[in-house]
Amino acid sequence: MKLKVVVHKAEEGGYWAEVPAVPGCVTQGETWEELLPNIYEAVEACLSLDTEEIDISDEDVVLEIAI
């Protein structure tokens, strides 16, 4: 899966980024080098699912995929 990320210069310095395809998925960084890993972390956090909060039976299968 490919996601478009919109990167903005922050008024107070640094950058902030948003992922339009994932509502509420935003992050920031003081430098470009700091921002890039923060983007990956934010997307992972926004798309993660805590399976402990879901009623899963012994017949269900939980898959983890890389996108």
PDB file of N, CA and C in Angstrom:
ATOM      1  N   MET A   1       0.851  -1.169   0.000  1.00  0.00           N
ATOM      2  CA  MET A   1       0.000   0.000   0.000  1.00  0.00           C
ATOM      3  C   MET A   1       0.898   1.234   0.000  1.00  0.00           C
ATOM      4  N   LYS A   2       0.546   2.178  -0.819  1.00  0.00           N
ATOM      5  CA  LYS A   2       1.245   3.457  -0.838  1.00  0.00           C
ATOM      6  C   LYS A   2       0.302   4.529  -0.321  1.00  0.00           C
ATOM      7  N   LEU A   3       0.804   5.384   0.524  1.00  0.00           N
ATOM      8  CA  LEU A   3       0.009   6.481   1.078  1.00  0.00           C
ATOM      9  C   LEU A   3       0.678   7.801   0.754  1.00  0.00           C
ATOM     10  N   LYS A   4      -0.109   8.772   0.371  1.00  0.00           N
ATOM     11  CA  LYS A   4       0.423  10.117   0.156  1.00  0.00           C
ATOM     12  C   LYS A   4       0.477  10.835   1.496  1.00  0.00           C
ATOM     13  N   VAL A   5       1.569  11.549   1.718  1.00  0.00           N
ATOM     14  CA  VAL A   5       1.778  12.331   2.935  1.00  0.00           C
ATOM     15  C   VAL A   5       1.996  13.774   2.515  1.00  0.00           C
ATOM     16  N   VAL A   6       1.266  14.683   3.142  1.00  0.00           N
ATOM     17  CA  VAL A   6       1.430  16.109   2.872  1.00  0.00           C
ATOM     18  C   VAL A   6       2.283  16.696   3.990  1.00  0.00           C
ATOM     19  N   VAL A   7       3.422  17.276   3.616  1.00  0.00           N
ATOM     20  CA  VAL A   7       4.349  17.853   4.586  1.00  0.00           C
ATOM     21  C   VAL A   7       4.234  19.370   4.530  1.00  0.00           C
ATOM     22  N   HIS A   8       4.086  19.984   5.709  1.00  0.00           N
ATOM     23  CA  HIS A   8       3.951  21.435   5.827  1.00  0.00           C
ATOM     24  C   HIS A   8       5.102  21.978   6.658  1.00  0.00           C
ATOM     25  N   LYS A   9       5.543  23.185   6.338  1.00  0.00           N
ATOM     26  CA  LYS A   9       6.482  23.879   7.223  1.00  0.00           C
ATOM     27  C   LYS A   9       5.670  24.457   8.375  1.00  0.00           C
ATOM     28  N   ALA A  10       6.117  24.208   9.589  1.00  0.00           N
ATOM     29  CA  ALA A  10       5.416  24.721  10.766  1.00  0.00           C
ATOM     30  C   ALA A  10       5.807  26.174  10.997  1.00  0.00           C
ATOM     31  N   GLU A  11       4.847  26.984  11.428  1.00  0.00           N
ATOM     32  CA  GLU A  11       5.105  28.405  11.669  1.00  0.00           C
ATOM     33  C   GLU A  11       6.186  28.617  12.723  1.00  0.00           C
ATOM     34  N   GLU A  12       6.212  27.750  13.720  1.00  0.00           N
ATOM     35  CA  GLU A  12       7.168  27.889  14.818  1.00  0.00           C
ATOM     36  C   GLU A  12       8.514  27.218  14.508  1.00  0.00           C
ATOM     37  N   GLY A  13       8.647  26.695  13.303  1.00  0.00           N
ATOM     38  CA  GLY A  13       9.868  26.003  12.896  1.00  0.00           C
ATOM     39  C   GLY A  13       9.615  24.511  12.792  1.00  0.00           C
ATOM     40  N   GLY A  14      10.423  23.849  12.015  1.00  0.00           N
ATOM     41  CA  GLY A  14      10.244  22.423  11.812  1.00  0.00           C
ATOM     42  C   GLY A  14       9.155  22.136  10.800  1.00  0.00           C
ATOM     43  N   TYR A  15       8.638  20.925  10.865  1.00  0.00           N
ATOM     44  CA  TYR A  15       7.648  20.468   9.896  1.00  0.00           C
ATOM     45  C   TYR A  15       6.537  19.715  10.604  1.00  0.00           C
ATOM     46  N   TRP A  16       5.379  19.649   9.949  1.00  0.00           N
ATOM     47  CA  TRP A  16       4.327  18.751  10.387  1.00  0.00           C
ATOM     48  C   TRP A  16       3.760  18.085   9.149  1.00  0.00           C
ATOM     49  N   ALA A  17       3.252  16.872   9.328  1.00  0.00           N
ATOM     50  CA  ALA A  17       2.781  16.092   8.189  1.00  0.00           C
ATOM     51  C   ALA A  17       1.430  15.471   8.508  1.00  0.00           C
ATOM     52  N   GLU A  18       0.644  15.285   7.459  1.00  0.00           N
ATOM     53  CA  GLU A  18      -0.653  14.637   7.600  1.00  0.00           C
ATOM     54  C   GLU A  18      -0.815  13.607   6.494  1.00  0.00           C
ATOM     55  N   VAL A  19      -1.581  12.565   6.809  1.00  0.00           N
ATOM     56  CA  VAL A  19      -1.864  11.501   5.854  1.00  0.00           C
ATOM     57  C   VAL A  19      -3.361  11.579   5.553  1.00  0.00           C
ATOM     58  N   PRO A  20      -3.742  12.214   4.441  1.00  0.00           N
ATOM     59  CA  PRO A  20      -5.164  12.430   4.156  1.00  0.00           C
ATOM     60  C   PRO A  20      -6.004  11.150   4.099  1.00  0.00           C
ATOM     61  N   ALA A  21      -5.415  10.040   3.679  1.00  0.00           N
ATOM     62  CA  ALA A  21      -6.161   8.783   3.576  1.00  0.00           C
ATOM     63  C   ALA A  21      -6.467   8.161   4.934  1.00  0.00           C
ATOM     64  N   VAL A  22      -5.782   8.632   5.988  1.00  0.00           N
ATOM     65  CA  VAL A  22      -5.988   8.107   7.338  1.00  0.00           C
ATOM     66  C   VAL A  22      -6.387   9.285   8.223  1.00  0.00           C
ATOM     67  N   PRO A  23      -7.678   9.537   8.373  1.00  0.00           N
ATOM     68  CA  PRO A  23      -8.128  10.697   9.141  1.00  0.00           C
ATOM     69  C   PRO A  23      -7.518  10.743  10.548  1.00  0.00           C
ATOM     70  N   GLY A  24      -7.031  11.912  10.915  1.00  0.00           N
ATOM     71  CA  GLY A  24      -6.442  12.103  12.238  1.00  0.00           C
ATOM     72  C   GLY A  24      -4.991  11.685  12.341  1.00  0.00           C
ATOM     73  N   CYS A  25      -4.405  11.205  11.255  1.00  0.00           N
ATOM     74  CA  CYS A  25      -3.010  10.751  11.280  1.00  0.00           C
ATOM     75  C   CYS A  25      -2.099  11.926  10.946  1.00  0.00           C
ATOM     76  N   VAL A  26      -1.508  12.508  11.988  1.00  0.00           N
ATOM     77  CA  VAL A  26      -0.600  13.646  11.837  1.00  0.00           C
ATOM     78  C   VAL A  26       0.620  13.428  12.729  1.00  0.00           C
ATOM     79  N   THR A  27       1.703  14.094  12.396  1.00  0.00           N
ATOM     80  CA  THR A  27       2.916  14.033  13.198  1.00  0.00           C
ATOM     81  C   THR A  27       3.741  15.276  12.919  1.00  0.00           C
ATOM     82  N   GLN A  28       4.852  15.408  13.627  1.00  0.00           N
ATOM     83  CA  GLN A  28       5.710  16.575  13.430  1.00  0.00           C
ATOM     84  C   GLN A  28       7.153  16.201  13.694  1.00  0.00           C
ATOM     85  N   GLY A  29       8.048  17.098  13.316  1.00  0.00           N
ATOM     86  CA  GLY A  29       9.476  16.915  13.569  1.00  0.00           C
ATOM     87  C   GLY A  29      10.195  18.233  13.423  1.00  0.00           C
ATOM     88  N   GLU A  30      11.211  18.418  14.215  1.00  0.00           N
ATOM     89  CA  GLU A  30      12.000  19.656  14.145  1.00  0.00           C
ATOM     90  C   GLU A  30      12.825  19.731  12.871  1.00  0.00           C
ATOM     91  N   THR A  31      13.252  18.562  12.357  1.00  0.00           N
ATOM     92  CA  THR A  31      14.033  18.495  11.122  1.00  0.00           C
ATOM     93  C   THR A  31      13.394  17.473  10.189  1.00  0.00           C
ATOM     94  N   TRP A  32      13.813  17.503   8.925  1.00  0.00           N
ATOM     95  CA  TRP A  32      13.326  16.527   7.954  1.00  0.00           C
ATOM     96  C   TRP A  32      13.712  15.119   8.399  1.00  0.00           C
ATOM     97  N   GLU A  33      14.941  14.974   8.905  1.00  0.00           N
ATOM     98  CA  GLU A  33      15.432  13.675   9.358  1.00  0.00           C
ATOM     99  C   GLU A  33      14.628  13.146  10.545  1.00  0.00           C
ATOM    100  N   GLU A  34      14.111  14.017  11.381  1.00  0.00           N
ATOM    101  CA  GLU A  34      13.280  13.615  12.511  1.00  0.00           C
ATOM    102  C   GLU A  34      11.854  13.316  12.051  1.00  0.00           C
ATOM    103  N   LEU A  35      11.383  14.058  11.057  1.00  0.00           N
ATOM    104  CA  LEU A  35      10.014  13.907  10.579  1.00  0.00           C
ATOM    105  C   LEU A  35       9.780  12.556   9.905  1.00  0.00           C
ATOM    106  N   LEU A  36      10.708  12.122   9.074  1.00  0.00           N
ATOM    107  CA  LEU A  36      10.487  10.903   8.284  1.00  0.00           C
ATOM    108  C   LEU A  36      10.169   9.678   9.132  1.00  0.00           C
ATOM    109  N   PRO A  37      10.968   9.335  10.147  1.00  0.00           N
ATOM    110  CA  PRO A  37      10.583   8.168  10.956  1.00  0.00           C
ATOM    111  C   PRO A  37       9.293   8.405  11.739  1.00  0.00           C
ATOM    112  N   ASN A  38       9.026   9.655  12.100  1.00  0.00           N
ATOM    113  CA  ASN A  38       7.780   9.963  12.809  1.00  0.00           C
ATOM    114  C   ASN A  38       6.564   9.685  11.939  1.00  0.00           C
ATOM    115  N   ILE A  39       6.700   9.895  10.632  1.00  0.00           N
ATOM    116  CA  ILE A  39       5.592   9.610   9.716  1.00  0.00           C
ATOM    117  C   ILE A  39       5.267   8.115   9.749  1.00  0.00           C
ATOM    118  N   TYR A  40       6.291   7.273   9.635  1.00  0.00           N
ATOM    119  CA  TYR A  40       6.070   5.825   9.662  1.00  0.00           C
ATOM    120  C   TYR A  40       5.450   5.399  10.988  1.00  0.00           C
ATOM    121  N   GLU A  41       5.944   5.958  12.080  1.00  0.00           N
ATOM    122  CA  GLU A  41       5.424   5.627  13.406  1.00  0.00           C
ATOM    123  C   GLU A  41       3.958   6.043  13.536  1.00  0.00           C
ATOM    124  N   ALA A  42       3.622   7.223  13.035  1.00  0.00           N
ATOM    125  CA  ALA A  42       2.249   7.712  13.118  1.00  0.00           C
ATOM    126  C   ALA A  42       1.295   6.845  12.310  1.00  0.00           C
ATOM    127  N   VAL A  43       1.693   6.474  11.106  1.00  0.00           N
ATOM    128  CA  VAL A  43       0.836   5.633  10.270  1.00  0.00           C
ATOM    129  C   VAL A  43       0.628   4.280  10.940  1.00  0.00           C
ATOM    130  N   GLU A  44       1.693   3.698  11.460  1.00  0.00           N
ATOM    131  CA  GLU A  44       1.576   2.412  12.139  1.00  0.00           C
ATOM    132  C   GLU A  44       0.623   2.518  13.330  1.00  0.00           C
ATOM    133  N   ALA A  45       0.753   3.572  14.102  1.00  0.00           N
ATOM    134  CA  ALA A  45      -0.110   3.756  15.270  1.00  0.00           C
ATOM    135  C   ALA A  45      -1.562   3.968  14.857  1.00  0.00           C
ATOM    136  N   CYS A  46      -1.782   4.743  13.800  1.00  0.00           N
ATOM    137  CA  CYS A  46      -3.152   5.019  13.363  1.00  0.00           C
ATOM    138  C   CYS A  46      -3.830   3.778  12.783  1.00  0.00           C
ATOM    139  N   LEU A  47      -3.047   2.886  12.200  1.00  0.00           N
ATOM    140  CA  LEU A  47      -3.619   1.701  11.575  1.00  0.00           C
ATOM    141  C   LEU A  47      -3.584   0.470  12.464  1.00  0.00           C
ATOM    142  N   SER A  48      -2.951   0.570  13.633  1.00  0.00           N
ATOM    143  CA  SER A  48      -2.840  -0.605  14.497  1.00  0.00           C
ATOM    144  C   SER A  48      -4.173  -0.894  15.165  1.00  0.00           C
ATOM    145  N   LEU A  49      -4.321  -2.134  15.558  1.00  0.00           N
ATOM    146  CA  LEU A  49      -5.549  -2.589  16.182  1.00  0.00           C
ATOM    147  C   LEU A  49      -5.182  -3.437  17.385  1.00  0.00           C
ATOM    148  N   ASP A  50      -5.692  -3.087  18.541  1.00  0.00           N
ATOM    149  CA  ASP A  50      -5.420  -3.849  19.747  1.00  0.00           C
ATOM    150  C   ASP A  50      -6.382  -5.028  19.794  1.00  0.00           C
ATOM    151  N   THR A  51      -5.874  -6.229  19.511  1.00  0.00           N
ATOM    152  CA  THR A  51      -6.738  -7.407  19.443  1.00  0.00           C
ATOM    153  C   THR A  51      -7.221  -7.842  20.820  1.00  0.00           C
ATOM    154  N   GLU A  52      -6.634  -7.345  21.892  1.00  0.00           N
ATOM    155  CA  GLU A  52      -7.094  -7.715  23.227  1.00  0.00           C
ATOM    156  C   GLU A  52      -8.469  -7.137  23.523  1.00  0.00           C
ATOM    157  N   GLU A  53      -8.855  -6.078  22.830  1.00  0.00           N
ATOM    158  CA  GLU A  53     -10.147  -5.446  23.053  1.00  0.00           C
ATOM    159  C   GLU A  53     -11.249  -6.046  22.189  1.00  0.00           C
ATOM    160  N   ILE A  54     -10.902  -7.040  21.372  1.00  0.00           N
ATOM    161  CA  ILE A  54     -11.852  -7.647  20.456  1.00  0.00           C
ATOM    162  C   ILE A  54     -12.143  -9.067  20.930  1.00  0.00           C
ATOM    163  N   ASP A  55     -13.410  -9.465  20.851  1.00  0.00           N
ATOM    164  CA  ASP A  55     -13.801 -10.814  21.233  1.00  0.00           C
ATOM    165  C   ASP A  55     -13.382 -11.767  20.120  1.00  0.00           C
ATOM    166  N   ILE A  56     -12.341 -12.545  20.355  1.00  0.00           N
ATOM    167  CA  ILE A  56     -11.804 -13.472  19.364  1.00  0.00           C
ATOM    168  C   ILE A  56     -11.988 -14.893  19.879  1.00  0.00           C
ATOM    169  N   SER A  57     -12.605 -15.727  19.034  1.00  0.00           N
ATOM    170  CA  SER A  57     -12.812 -17.125  19.424  1.00  0.00           C
ATOM    171  C   SER A  57     -11.612 -17.961  18.995  1.00  0.00           C
ATOM    172  N   ASP A  58     -11.593 -19.214  19.431  1.00  0.00           N
ATOM    173  CA  ASP A  58     -10.505 -20.125  19.056  1.00  0.00           C
ATOM    174  C   ASP A  58     -10.512 -20.440  17.568  1.00  0.00           C
ATOM    175  N   GLU A  59     -11.653 -20.234  16.906  1.00  0.00           N
ATOM    176  CA  GLU A  59     -11.773 -20.508  15.475  1.00  0.00           C
ATOM    177  C   GLU A  59     -11.313 -19.331  14.615  1.00  0.00           C
ATOM    178  N   ASP A  60     -11.177 -18.151  15.216  1.00  0.00           N
ATOM    179  CA  ASP A  60     -10.766 -16.962  14.464  1.00  0.00           C
ATOM    180  C   ASP A  60      -9.254 -16.979  14.237  1.00  0.00           C
ATOM    181  N   VAL A  61      -8.846 -16.312  13.195  1.00  0.00           N
ATOM    182  CA  VAL A  61      -7.426 -16.190  12.866  1.00  0.00           C
ATOM    183  C   VAL A  61      -7.083 -14.706  12.815  1.00  0.00           C
ATOM    184  N   VAL A  62      -5.993 -14.326  13.477  1.00  0.00           N
ATOM    185  CA  VAL A  62      -5.511 -12.958  13.436  1.00  0.00           C
ATOM    186  C   VAL A  62      -4.259 -12.929  12.584  1.00  0.00           C
ATOM    187  N   LEU A  63      -4.276 -12.124  11.533  1.00  0.00           N
ATOM    188  CA  LEU A  63      -3.140 -11.999  10.627  1.00  0.00           C
ATOM    189  C   LEU A  63      -2.473 -10.653  10.828  1.00  0.00           C
ATOM    190  N   GLU A  64      -1.176 -10.618  10.679  1.00  0.00           N
ATOM    191  CA  GLU A  64      -0.422  -9.361  10.671  1.00  0.00           C
ATOM    192  C   GLU A  64       0.230  -9.238   9.328  1.00  0.00           C
ATOM    193  N   ILE A  65      -0.060  -8.130   8.622  1.00  0.00           N
ATOM    194  CA  ILE A  65       0.489  -7.944   7.279  1.00  0.00           C
ATOM    195  C   ILE A  65       1.329  -6.676   7.256  1.00  0.00           C
ATOM    196  N   ALA A  66       2.266  -6.634   6.335  1.00  0.00           N
ATOM    197  CA  ALA A  66       3.084  -5.438   6.137  1.00  0.00           C
ATOM    198  C   ALA A  66       2.530  -4.676   4.946  1.00  0.00           C
ATOM    199  N   ILE A  67       2.403  -3.362   5.107  1.00  0.00           N
ATOM    200  CA  ILE A  67       1.922  -2.570   3.982  1.00  0.00           C
ATOM    201  C   ILE A  67       2.939  -1.511   3.644  1.00  0.00           C
TER     202      ILE A  67
END
